Amino acid sequence: NTHLTTNAIVNRTIKDPRRLVAASFPVSIGTPLTDAIAALHTAIAELPGTMDEGSQVRVGDITDRTVWLEAAVYAPLDADVVSLASELRGRGLEKLREKGFLAG
């Protein structure tokens, strides 16, 4: 029941030929957001097994020290979403770390 009340329900009978892969990333409050978003778009572009169209990076929650960026990309229906999400998190963190954007 908790899962049903806290997570979005996706109707796969609509025949959308894609699966959503998403991850959240903490960046420091002083980070230039356009630069951090560009770094995550670079990580998304390098992610194998995903579809180029429809990828997004949006600003999520904001605290006194951290801005959470929400990255989303689509993959084919037969994709291993768990592995792709892990790969997205890893590549995203590496790109943000290279730029010094991660929240401490």
PDB file of N, CA and C in Angstrom:
ATOM      1  N   ASN A   1       0.809  -1.193   0.000  1.00  0.00           N
ATOM      2  CA  ASN A   1       0.000   0.000   0.000  1.00  0.00           C
ATOM      3  C   ASN A   1       0.853   1.258   0.000  1.00  0.00           C
ATOM      4  N   THR A   2       1.960   1.231   0.733  1.00  0.00           N
ATOM      5  CA  THR A   2       2.824   2.405   0.763  1.00  0.00           C
ATOM      6  C   THR A   2       3.320   2.736  -0.631  1.00  0.00           C
ATOM      7  N   HIS A   3       3.702   1.726  -1.388  1.00  0.00           N
ATOM      8  CA  HIS A   3       4.186   1.933  -2.750  1.00  0.00           C
ATOM      9  C   HIS A   3       3.117   2.610  -3.609  1.00  0.00           C
ATOM     10  N   LEU A   4       1.891   2.190  -3.449  1.00  0.00           N
ATOM     11  CA  LEU A   4       0.799   2.751  -4.246  1.00  0.00           C
ATOM     12  C   LEU A   4       0.516   4.202  -3.896  1.00  0.00           C
ATOM     13  N   THR A   5       0.722   4.575  -2.649  1.00  0.00           N
ATOM     14  CA  THR A   5       0.403   5.940  -2.242  1.00  0.00           C
ATOM     15  C   THR A   5       1.564   6.910  -2.385  1.00  0.00           C
ATOM     16  N   THR A   6       2.786   6.400  -2.545  1.00  0.00           N
ATOM     17  CA  THR A   6       3.940   7.293  -2.620  1.00  0.00           C
ATOM     18  C   THR A   6       4.607   7.353  -3.986  1.00  0.00           C
ATOM     19  N   ASN A   7       4.273   6.461  -4.885  1.00  0.00           N
ATOM     20  CA  ASN A   7       4.915   6.436  -6.197  1.00  0.00           C
ATOM     21  C   ASN A   7       3.890   6.613  -7.309  1.00  0.00           C
ATOM     22  N   ALA A   8       4.360   7.173  -8.398  1.00  0.00           N
ATOM     23  CA  ALA A   8       3.487   7.335  -9.560  1.00  0.00           C
ATOM     24  C   ALA A   8       3.142   5.966 -10.147  1.00  0.00           C
ATOM     25  N   ILE A   9       1.922   5.825 -10.574  1.00  0.00           N
ATOM     26  CA  ILE A   9       1.486   4.596 -11.228  1.00  0.00           C
ATOM     27  C   ILE A   9       1.548   4.834 -12.730  1.00  0.00           C
ATOM     28  N   VAL A  10       2.253   3.968 -13.425  1.00  0.00           N
ATOM     29  CA  VAL A  10       2.425   4.111 -14.862  1.00  0.00           C
ATOM     30  C   VAL A  10       1.608   3.030 -15.558  1.00  0.00           C
ATOM     31  N   ASN A  11       0.730   3.436 -16.437  1.00  0.00           N
ATOM     32  CA  ASN A  11      -0.098   2.503 -17.191  1.00  0.00           C
ATOM     33  C   ASN A  11       0.662   2.098 -18.457  1.00  0.00           C
ATOM     34  N   ARG A  12       1.178   0.895 -18.489  1.00  0.00           N
ATOM     35  CA  ARG A  12       1.958   0.424 -19.636  1.00  0.00           C
ATOM     36  C   ARG A  12       1.066  -0.065 -20.774  1.00  0.00           C
ATOM     37  N   THR A  13      -0.229  -0.089 -20.587  1.00  0.00           N
ATOM     38  CA  THR A  13      -1.130  -0.531 -21.650  1.00  0.00           C
ATOM     39  C   THR A  13      -1.349   0.565 -22.690  1.00  0.00           C
ATOM     40  N   ILE A  14      -0.815   1.743 -22.451  1.00  0.00           N
ATOM     41  CA  ILE A  14      -0.946   2.843 -23.397  1.00  0.00           C
ATOM     42  C   ILE A  14      -0.091   2.595 -24.641  1.00  0.00           C
ATOM     43  N   LYS A  15       0.795   1.642 -24.546  1.00  0.00           N
ATOM     44  CA  LYS A  15       1.685   1.260 -25.644  1.00  0.00           C
ATOM     45  C   LYS A  15       2.773   2.293 -25.908  1.00  0.00           C
ATOM     46  N   ASP A  16       3.193   2.990 -24.865  1.00  0.00           N
ATOM     47  CA  ASP A  16       4.345   3.875 -24.978  1.00  0.00           C
ATOM     48  C   ASP A  16       5.565   2.975 -25.144  1.00  0.00           C
ATOM     49  N   PRO A  17       6.316   3.152 -26.214  1.00  0.00           N
ATOM     50  CA  PRO A  17       7.436   2.242 -26.479  1.00  0.00           C
ATOM     51  C   PRO A  17       8.696   2.586 -25.673  1.00  0.00           C
ATOM     52  N   ARG A  18       8.537   3.251 -24.538  1.00  0.00           N
ATOM     53  CA  ARG A  18       9.700   3.669 -23.756  1.00  0.00           C
ATOM     54  C   ARG A  18       9.514   3.324 -22.283  1.00  0.00           C
ATOM     55  N   ARG A  19      10.648   3.245 -21.589  1.00  0.00           N
ATOM     56  CA  ARG A  19      10.657   3.090 -20.133  1.00  0.00           C
ATOM     57  C   ARG A  19      11.468   4.230 -19.558  1.00  0.00           C
ATOM     58  N   LEU A  20      10.993   4.801 -18.490  1.00  0.00           N
ATOM     59  CA  LEU A  20      11.656   5.926 -17.848  1.00  0.00           C
ATOM     60  C   LEU A  20      12.772   5.438 -16.925  1.00  0.00           C
ATOM     61  N   VAL A  21      13.924   6.093 -17.031  1.00  0.00           N
ATOM     62  CA  VAL A  21      15.052   5.855 -16.138  1.00  0.00           C
ATOM     63  C   VAL A  21      15.363   7.198 -15.495  1.00  0.00           C
ATOM     64  N   ALA A  22      15.360   7.250 -14.158  1.00  0.00           N
ATOM     65  CA  ALA A  22      15.533   8.533 -13.474  1.00  0.00           C
ATOM     66  C   ALA A  22      16.504   8.403 -12.311  1.00  0.00           C
ATOM     67  N   ALA A  23      17.136   9.530 -11.968  1.00  0.00           N
ATOM     68  CA  ALA A  23      18.051   9.589 -10.827  1.00  0.00           C
ATOM     69  C   ALA A  23      18.104  11.024 -10.313  1.00  0.00           C
ATOM     70  N   SER A  24      18.404  11.164  -9.026  1.00  0.00           N
ATOM     71  CA  SER A  24      18.528  12.476  -8.390  1.00  0.00           C
ATOM     72  C   SER A  24      19.982  12.724  -8.013  1.00  0.00           C
ATOM     73  N   PHE A  25      20.389  13.985  -8.117  1.00  0.00           N
ATOM     74  CA  PHE A  25      21.782  14.355  -7.851  1.00  0.00           C
ATOM     75  C   PHE A  25      21.849  15.597  -6.966  1.00  0.00           C
ATOM     76  N   PRO A  26      22.640  15.547  -5.877  1.00  0.00           N
ATOM     77  CA  PRO A  26      22.788  16.710  -5.005  1.00  0.00           C
ATOM     78  C   PRO A  26      23.921  17.611  -5.478  1.00  0.00           C
ATOM     79  N   VAL A  27      23.623  18.873  -5.685  1.00  0.00           N
ATOM     80  CA  VAL A  27      24.674  19.837  -6.020  1.00  0.00           C
ATOM     81  C   VAL A  27      24.657  20.955  -4.988  1.00  0.00           C
ATOM     82  N   SER A  28      25.797  21.580  -4.790  1.00  0.00           N
ATOM     83  CA  SER A  28      25.913  22.666  -3.825  1.00  0.00           C
ATOM     84  C   SER A  28      25.019  23.828  -4.220  1.00  0.00           C
ATOM     85  N   ILE A  29      24.496  24.518  -3.222  1.00  0.00           N
ATOM     86  CA  ILE A  29      23.559  25.613  -3.461  1.00  0.00           C
ATOM     87  C   ILE A  29      24.184  26.728  -4.312  1.00  0.00           C
ATOM     88  N   GLY A  30      25.492  26.913  -4.249  1.00  0.00           N
ATOM     89  CA  GLY A  30      26.160  27.959  -5.024  1.00  0.00           C
ATOM     90  C   GLY A  30      26.547  27.556  -6.435  1.00  0.00           C
ATOM     91  N   THR A  31      26.208  26.354  -6.835  1.00  0.00           N
ATOM     92  CA  THR A  31      26.567  25.842  -8.156  1.00  0.00           C
ATOM     93  C   THR A  31      25.800  26.582  -9.249  1.00  0.00           C
ATOM     94  N   PRO A  32      26.492  26.992 -10.328  1.00  0.00           N
ATOM     95  CA  PRO A  32      25.766  27.537 -11.480  1.00  0.00           C
ATOM     96  C   PRO A  32      24.899  26.423 -12.085  1.00  0.00           C
ATOM     97  N   LEU A  33      23.600  26.537 -11.938  1.00  0.00           N
ATOM     98  CA  LEU A  33      22.710  25.446 -12.334  1.00  0.00           C
ATOM     99  C   LEU A  33      22.794  25.110 -13.816  1.00  0.00           C
ATOM    100  N   THR A  34      22.969  26.116 -14.669  1.00  0.00           N
ATOM    101  CA  THR A  34      23.055  25.808 -16.097  1.00  0.00           C
ATOM    102  C   THR A  34      24.273  24.924 -16.388  1.00  0.00           C
ATOM    103  N   ASP A  35      25.364  25.130 -15.668  1.00  0.00           N
ATOM    104  CA  ASP A  35      26.560  24.302 -15.855  1.00  0.00           C
ATOM    105  C   ASP A  35      26.346  22.884 -15.326  1.00  0.00           C
ATOM    106  N   ALA A  36      25.700  22.765 -14.163  1.00  0.00           N
ATOM    107  CA  ALA A  36      25.437  21.439 -13.597  1.00  0.00           C
ATOM    108  C   ALA A  36      24.460  20.663 -14.476  1.00  0.00           C
ATOM    109  N   ILE A  37      23.448  21.349 -14.973  1.00  0.00           N
ATOM    110  CA  ILE A  37      22.482  20.703 -15.866  1.00  0.00           C
ATOM    111  C   ILE A  37      23.166  20.249 -17.153  1.00  0.00           C
ATOM    112  N   ALA A  38      24.048  21.076 -17.690  1.00  0.00           N
ATOM    113  CA  ALA A  38      24.794  20.700 -18.900  1.00  0.00           C
ATOM    114  C   ALA A  38      25.669  19.476 -18.640  1.00  0.00           C
ATOM    115  N   ALA A  39      26.291  19.407 -17.456  1.00  0.00           N
ATOM    116  CA  ALA A  39      27.123  18.244 -17.117  1.00  0.00           C
ATOM    117  C   ALA A  39      26.281  16.972 -17.075  1.00  0.00           C
ATOM    118  N   LEU A  40      25.083  17.063 -16.525  1.00  0.00           N
ATOM    119  CA  LEU A  40      24.217  15.887 -16.479  1.00  0.00           C
ATOM    120  C   LEU A  40      23.708  15.510 -17.864  1.00  0.00           C
ATOM    121  N   HIS A  41      23.441  16.505 -18.716  1.00  0.00           N
ATOM    122  CA  HIS A  41      23.047  16.180 -20.092  1.00  0.00           C
ATOM    123  C   HIS A  41      24.181  15.463 -20.821  1.00  0.00           C
ATOM    124  N   THR A  42      25.421  15.840 -20.533  1.00  0.00           N
ATOM    125  CA  THR A  42      26.569  15.141 -21.114  1.00  0.00           C
ATOM    126  C   THR A  42      26.595  13.690 -20.640  1.00  0.00           C
ATOM    127  N   ALA A  43      26.368  13.473 -19.345  1.00  0.00           N
ATOM    128  CA  ALA A  43      26.338  12.105 -18.809  1.00  0.00           C
ATOM    129  C   ALA A  43      25.226  11.295 -19.464  1.00  0.00           C
ATOM    130  N   ILE A  44      24.070  11.912 -19.659  1.00  0.00           N
ATOM    131  CA  ILE A  44      22.941  11.232 -20.300  1.00  0.00           C
ATOM    132  C   ILE A  44      23.291  10.859 -21.739  1.00  0.00           C
ATOM    133  N   ALA A  45      23.919  11.774 -22.457  1.00  0.00           N
ATOM    134  CA  ALA A  45      24.267  11.530 -23.862  1.00  0.00           C
ATOM    135  C   ALA A  45      25.240  10.361 -24.002  1.00  0.00           C
ATOM    136  N   GLU A  46      26.075  10.142 -22.983  1.00  0.00           N
ATOM    137  CA  GLU A  46      27.061   9.056 -23.021  1.00  0.00           C
ATOM    138  C   GLU A  46      26.506   7.725 -22.524  1.00  0.00           C
ATOM    139  N   LEU A  47      25.266   7.713 -22.061  1.00  0.00           N
ATOM    140  CA  LEU A  47      24.663   6.508 -21.496  1.00  0.00           C
ATOM    141  C   LEU A  47      24.205   5.579 -22.614  1.00  0.00           C
ATOM    142  N   PRO A  48      24.783   4.388 -22.708  1.00  0.00           N
ATOM    143  CA  PRO A  48      24.384   3.465 -23.782  1.00  0.00           C
ATOM    144  C   PRO A  48      23.017   2.850 -23.511  1.00  0.00           C
ATOM    145  N   GLY A  49      22.303   2.517 -24.564  1.00  0.00           N
ATOM    146  CA  GLY A  49      21.040   1.810 -24.427  1.00  0.00           C
ATOM    147  C   GLY A  49      19.849   2.678 -24.107  1.00  0.00           C
ATOM    148  N   THR A  50      19.972   3.997 -24.325  1.00  0.00           N
ATOM    149  CA  THR A  50      18.852   4.894 -24.072  1.00  0.00           C
ATOM    150  C   THR A  50      18.461   5.608 -25.362  1.00  0.00           C
ATOM    151  N   MET A  51      17.322   6.253 -25.332  1.00  0.00           N
ATOM    152  CA  MET A  51      16.824   6.983 -26.491  1.00  0.00           C
ATOM    153  C   MET A  51      17.222   8.457 -26.355  1.00  0.00           C
ATOM    154  N   ASP A  52      17.667   9.058 -27.438  1.00  0.00           N
ATOM    155  CA  ASP A  52      18.134  10.440 -27.409  1.00  0.00           C
ATOM    156  C   ASP A  52      17.020  11.431 -27.080  1.00  0.00           C
ATOM    157  N   GLU A  53      15.844  11.187 -27.590  1.00  0.00           N
ATOM    158  CA  GLU A  53      14.765  12.150 -27.420  1.00  0.00           C
ATOM    159  C   GLU A  53      14.124  12.049 -26.037  1.00  0.00           C
ATOM    160  N   GLY A  54      13.710  13.174 -25.514  1.00  0.00           N
ATOM    161  CA  GLY A  54      12.957  13.195 -24.276  1.00  0.00           C
ATOM    162  C   GLY A  54      13.759  13.259 -22.992  1.00  0.00           C
ATOM    163  N   SER A  55      15.081  13.282 -23.053  1.00  0.00           N
ATOM    164  CA  SER A  55      15.844  13.354 -21.803  1.00  0.00           C
ATOM    165  C   SER A  55      15.661  14.737 -21.177  1.00  0.00           C
ATOM    166  N   GLN A  56      15.659  14.759 -19.851  1.00  0.00           N
ATOM    167  CA  GLN A  56      15.427  15.998 -19.120  1.00  0.00           C
ATOM    168  C   GLN A  56      16.290  16.052 -17.872  1.00  0.00           C
ATOM    169  N   VAL A  57      16.634  17.271 -17.491  1.00  0.00           N
ATOM    170  CA  VAL A  57      17.231  17.524 -16.182  1.00  0.00           C
ATOM    171  C   VAL A  57      16.483  18.714 -15.618  1.00  0.00           C
ATOM    172  N   ARG A  58      15.894  18.514 -14.443  1.00  0.00           N
ATOM    173  CA  ARG A  58      15.087  19.572 -13.824  1.00  0.00           C
ATOM    174  C   ARG A  58      15.551  19.811 -12.394  1.00  0.00           C
ATOM    175  N   VAL A  59      15.265  21.008 -11.909  1.00  0.00           N
ATOM    176  CA  VAL A  59      15.562  21.337 -10.523  1.00  0.00           C
ATOM    177  C   VAL A  59      14.480  20.716  -9.647  1.00  0.00           C
ATOM    178  N   GLY A  60      14.912  19.987  -8.631  1.00  0.00           N
ATOM    179  CA  GLY A  60      13.987  19.362  -7.691  1.00  0.00           C
ATOM    180  C   GLY A  60      13.971  20.137  -6.382  1.00  0.00           C
ATOM    181  N   ASP A  61      14.090  19.430  -5.280  1.00  0.00           N
ATOM    182  CA  ASP A  61      14.060  20.058  -3.962  1.00  0.00           C
ATOM    183  C   ASP A  61      15.280  20.942  -3.743  1.00  0.00           C
ATOM    184  N   ILE A  62      15.086  21.966  -2.920  1.00  0.00           N
ATOM    185  CA  ILE A  62      16.162  22.886  -2.555  1.00  0.00           C
ATOM    186  C   ILE A  62      16.177  23.011  -1.038  1.00  0.00           C
ATOM    187  N   THR A  63      17.361  22.830  -0.460  1.00  0.00           N
ATOM    188  CA  THR A  63      17.530  23.040   0.977  1.00  0.00           C
ATOM    189  C   THR A  63      18.498  24.196   1.169  1.00  0.00           C
ATOM    190  N   ASP A  64      18.895  24.454   2.412  1.00  0.00           N
ATOM    191  CA  ASP A  64      19.799  25.579   2.662  1.00  0.00           C
ATOM    192  C   ASP A  64      21.187  25.381   2.065  1.00  0.00           C
ATOM    193  N   ARG A  65      21.595  24.129   1.803  1.00  0.00           N
ATOM    194  CA  ARG A  65      22.925  23.853   1.247  1.00  0.00           C
ATOM    195  C   ARG A  65      22.936  23.077  -0.056  1.00  0.00           C
ATOM    196  N   THR A  66      21.800  22.519  -0.429  1.00  0.00           N
ATOM    197  CA  THR A  66      21.775  21.575  -1.552  1.00  0.00           C
ATOM    198  C   THR A  66      20.620  21.843  -2.501  1.00  0.00           C
ATOM    199  N   VAL A  67      20.919  21.721  -3.790  1.00  0.00           N
ATOM    200  CA  VAL A  67      19.889  21.713  -4.824  1.00  0.00           C
ATOM    201  C   VAL A  67      19.895  20.300  -5.402  1.00  0.00           C
ATOM    202  N   TRP A  68      18.726  19.696  -5.485  1.00  0.00           N
ATOM    203  CA  TRP A  68      18.619  18.355  -6.054  1.00  0.00           C
ATOM    204  C   TRP A  68      18.201  18.464  -7.509  1.00  0.00           C
ATOM    205  N   LEU A  69      19.027  17.928  -8.402  1.00  0.00           N
ATOM    206  CA  LEU A  69      18.698  17.892  -9.819  1.00  0.00           C
ATOM    207  C   LEU A  69      18.133  16.511 -10.144  1.00  0.00           C
ATOM    208  N   GLU A  70      17.048  16.493 -10.892  1.00  0.00           N
ATOM    209  CA  GLU A  70      16.363  15.259 -11.267  1.00  0.00           C
ATOM    210  C   GLU A  70      16.620  15.002 -12.754  1.00  0.00           C
ATOM    211  N   ALA A  71      17.319  13.927 -13.045  1.00  0.00           N
ATOM    212  CA  ALA A  71      17.629  13.569 -14.433  1.00  0.00           C
ATOM    213  C   ALA A  71      16.734  12.423 -14.866  1.00  0.00           C
ATOM    214  N   ALA A  72      16.225  12.518 -16.083  1.00  0.00           N
ATOM    215  CA  ALA A  72      15.357  11.461 -16.616  1.00  0.00           C
ATOM    216  C   ALA A  72      15.683  11.226 -18.081  1.00  0.00           C
ATOM    217  N   VAL A  73      15.690   9.959 -18.451  1.00  0.00           N
ATOM    218  CA  VAL A  73      15.955   9.567 -19.824  1.00  0.00           C
ATOM    219  C   VAL A  73      15.068   8.367 -20.125  1.00  0.00           C
ATOM    220  N   TYR A  74      14.776   8.152 -21.383  1.00  0.00           N
ATOM    221  CA  TYR A  74      13.949   7.012 -21.780  1.00  0.00           C
ATOM    222  C   TYR A  74      14.794   5.915 -22.401  1.00  0.00           C
ATOM    223  N   ALA A  75      14.328   4.691 -22.207  1.00  0.00           N
ATOM    224  CA  ALA A  75      14.990   3.514 -22.768  1.00  0.00           C
ATOM    225  C   ALA A  75      13.925   2.647 -23.429  1.00  0.00           C
ATOM    226  N   PRO A  76      14.330   1.723 -24.288  1.00  0.00           N
ATOM    227  CA  PRO A  76      13.365   0.804 -24.906  1.00  0.00           C
ATOM    228  C   PRO A  76      12.666  -0.055 -23.846  1.00  0.00           C
ATOM    229  N   LEU A  77      11.501  -0.598 -24.203  1.00  0.00           N
ATOM    230  CA  LEU A  77      10.713  -1.411 -23.268  1.00  0.00           C
ATOM    231  C   LEU A  77      11.470  -2.595 -22.698  1.00  0.00           C
ATOM    232  N   ASP A  78      12.374  -3.177 -23.474  1.00  0.00           N
ATOM    233  CA  ASP A  78      13.097  -4.358 -23.009  1.00  0.00           C
ATOM    234  C   ASP A  78      14.379  -4.023 -22.241  1.00  0.00           C
ATOM    235  N   ALA A  79      14.594  -2.753 -21.936  1.00  0.00           N
ATOM    236  CA  ALA A  79      15.819  -2.319 -21.261  1.00  0.00           C
ATOM    237  C   ALA A  79      15.849  -2.788 -19.810  1.00  0.00           C
ATOM    238  N   ASP A  80      17.050  -2.997 -19.304  1.00  0.00           N
ATOM    239  CA  ASP A  80      17.264  -3.298 -17.892  1.00  0.00           C
ATOM    240  C   ASP A  80      17.318  -1.962 -17.151  1.00  0.00           C
ATOM    241  N   VAL A  81      16.168  -1.520 -16.672  1.00  0.00           N
ATOM    242  CA  VAL A  81      16.037  -0.196 -16.067  1.00  0.00           C
ATOM    243  C   VAL A  81      16.888  -0.052 -14.810  1.00  0.00           C
ATOM    244  N   VAL A  82      16.998  -1.091 -14.028  1.00  0.00           N
ATOM    245  CA  VAL A  82      17.792  -1.032 -12.801  1.00  0.00           C
ATOM    246  C   VAL A  82      19.261  -0.775 -13.130  1.00  0.00           C
ATOM    247  N   SER A  83      19.792  -1.486 -14.103  1.00  0.00           N
ATOM    248  CA  SER A  83      21.189  -1.292 -14.505  1.00  0.00           C
ATOM    249  C   SER A  83      21.404   0.079 -15.130  1.00  0.00           C
ATOM    250  N   LEU A  84      20.464   0.506 -15.969  1.00  0.00           N
ATOM    251  CA  LEU A  84      20.594   1.824 -16.591  1.00  0.00           C
ATOM    252  C   LEU A  84      20.535   2.938 -15.550  1.00  0.00           C
ATOM    253  N   ALA A  85      19.671   2.811 -14.565  1.00  0.00           N
ATOM    254  CA  ALA A  85      19.583   3.821 -13.512  1.00  0.00           C
ATOM    255  C   ALA A  85      20.885   3.882 -12.719  1.00  0.00           C
ATOM    256  N   SER A  86      21.469   2.722 -12.446  1.00  0.00           N
ATOM    257  CA  SER A  86      22.748   2.674 -11.747  1.00  0.00           C
ATOM    258  C   SER A  86      23.839   3.347 -12.575  1.00  0.00           C
ATOM    259  N   GLU A  87      23.855   3.045 -13.855  1.00  0.00           N
ATOM    260  CA  GLU A  87      24.839   3.652 -14.763  1.00  0.00           C
ATOM    261  C   GLU A  87      24.631   5.168 -14.853  1.00  0.00           C
ATOM    262  N   LEU A  88      23.388   5.610 -14.910  1.00  0.00           N
ATOM    263  CA  LEU A  88      23.087   7.040 -14.943  1.00  0.00           C
ATOM    264  C   LEU A  88      23.589   7.723 -13.674  1.00  0.00           C
ATOM    265  N   ARG A  89      23.331   7.123 -12.516  1.00  0.00           N
ATOM    266  CA  ARG A  89      23.806   7.706 -11.257  1.00  0.00           C
ATOM    267  C   ARG A  89      25.326   7.792 -11.237  1.00  0.00           C
ATOM    268  N   GLY A  90      25.990   6.716 -11.656  1.00  0.00           N
ATOM    269  CA  GLY A  90      27.450   6.706 -11.647  1.00  0.00           C
ATOM    270  C   GLY A  90      28.049   7.740 -12.577  1.00  0.00           C
ATOM    271  N   ARG A  91      27.569   7.778 -13.796  1.00  0.00           N
ATOM    272  CA  ARG A  91      28.102   8.746 -14.775  1.00  0.00           C
ATOM    273  C   ARG A  91      27.763  10.181 -14.377  1.00  0.00           C
ATOM    274  N   GLY A  92      26.556  10.377 -13.873  1.00  0.00           N
ATOM    275  CA  GLY A  92      26.159  11.712 -13.438  1.00  0.00           C
ATOM    276  C   GLY A  92      27.024  12.211 -12.293  1.00  0.00           C
ATOM    277  N   LEU A  93      27.251  11.355 -11.306  1.00  0.00           N
ATOM    278  CA  LEU A  93      28.099  11.744 -10.175  1.00  0.00           C
ATOM    279  C   LEU A  93      29.519  12.057 -10.625  1.00  0.00           C
ATOM    280  N   GLU A  94      30.051  11.249 -11.538  1.00  0.00           N
ATOM    281  CA  GLU A  94      31.403  11.507 -12.043  1.00  0.00           C
ATOM    282  C   GLU A  94      31.494  12.869 -12.736  1.00  0.00           C
ATOM    283  N   LYS A  95      30.524  13.178 -13.584  1.00  0.00           N
ATOM    284  CA  LYS A  95      30.538  14.467 -14.297  1.00  0.00           C
ATOM    285  C   LYS A  95      30.437  15.627 -13.312  1.00  0.00           C
ATOM    286  N   LEU A  96      29.543  15.503 -12.330  1.00  0.00           N
ATOM    287  CA  LEU A  96      29.387  16.577 -11.345  1.00  0.00           C
ATOM    288  C   LEU A  96      30.623  16.702 -10.451  1.00  0.00           C
ATOM    289  N   ARG A  97      31.240  15.571 -10.113  1.00  0.00           N
ATOM    290  CA  ARG A  97      32.467  15.588  -9.298  1.00  0.00           C
ATOM    291  C   ARG A  97      33.610  16.249 -10.059  1.00  0.00           C
ATOM    292  N   GLU A  98      33.740  15.936 -11.360  1.00  0.00           N
ATOM    293  CA  GLU A  98      34.795  16.537 -12.184  1.00  0.00           C
ATOM    294  C   GLU A  98      34.709  18.053 -12.156  1.00  0.00           C
ATOM    295  N   LYS A  99      33.497  18.585 -12.123  1.00  0.00           N
ATOM    296  CA  LYS A  99      33.266  20.035 -12.158  1.00  0.00           C
ATOM    297  C   LYS A  99      33.280  20.652 -10.764  1.00  0.00           C
ATOM    298  N   GLY A 100      33.307  19.836  -9.711  1.00  0.00           N
ATOM    299  CA  GLY A 100      33.283  20.349  -8.341  1.00  0.00           C
ATOM    300  C   GLY A 100      31.910  20.820  -7.910  1.00  0.00           C
ATOM    301  N   PHE A 101      30.870  20.240  -8.473  1.00  0.00           N
ATOM    302  CA  PHE A 101      29.498  20.692  -8.207  1.00  0.00           C
ATOM    303  C   PHE A 101      28.780  19.915  -7.110  1.00  0.00           C
ATOM    304  N   LEU A 102      29.300  18.773  -6.687  1.00  0.00           N
ATOM    305  CA  LEU A 102      28.567  17.945  -5.726  1.00  0.00           C
ATOM    306  C   LEU A 102      28.454  18.633  -4.371  1.00  0.00           C
ATOM    307  N   ALA A 103      27.304  18.450  -3.741  1.00  0.00           N
ATOM    308  CA  ALA A 103      27.081  18.990  -2.406  1.00  0.00           C
ATOM    309  C   ALA A 103      27.957  18.227  -1.424  1.00  0.00           C
ATOM    310  N   GLY A 104      28.503  18.934  -0.452  1.00  0.00           N
ATOM    311  CA  GLY A 104      29.409  18.313   0.485  1.00  0.00           C
ATOM    312  C   GLY A 104      28.818  17.939   1.789  1.00  0.00           C
TER     313      GLY A 104
END
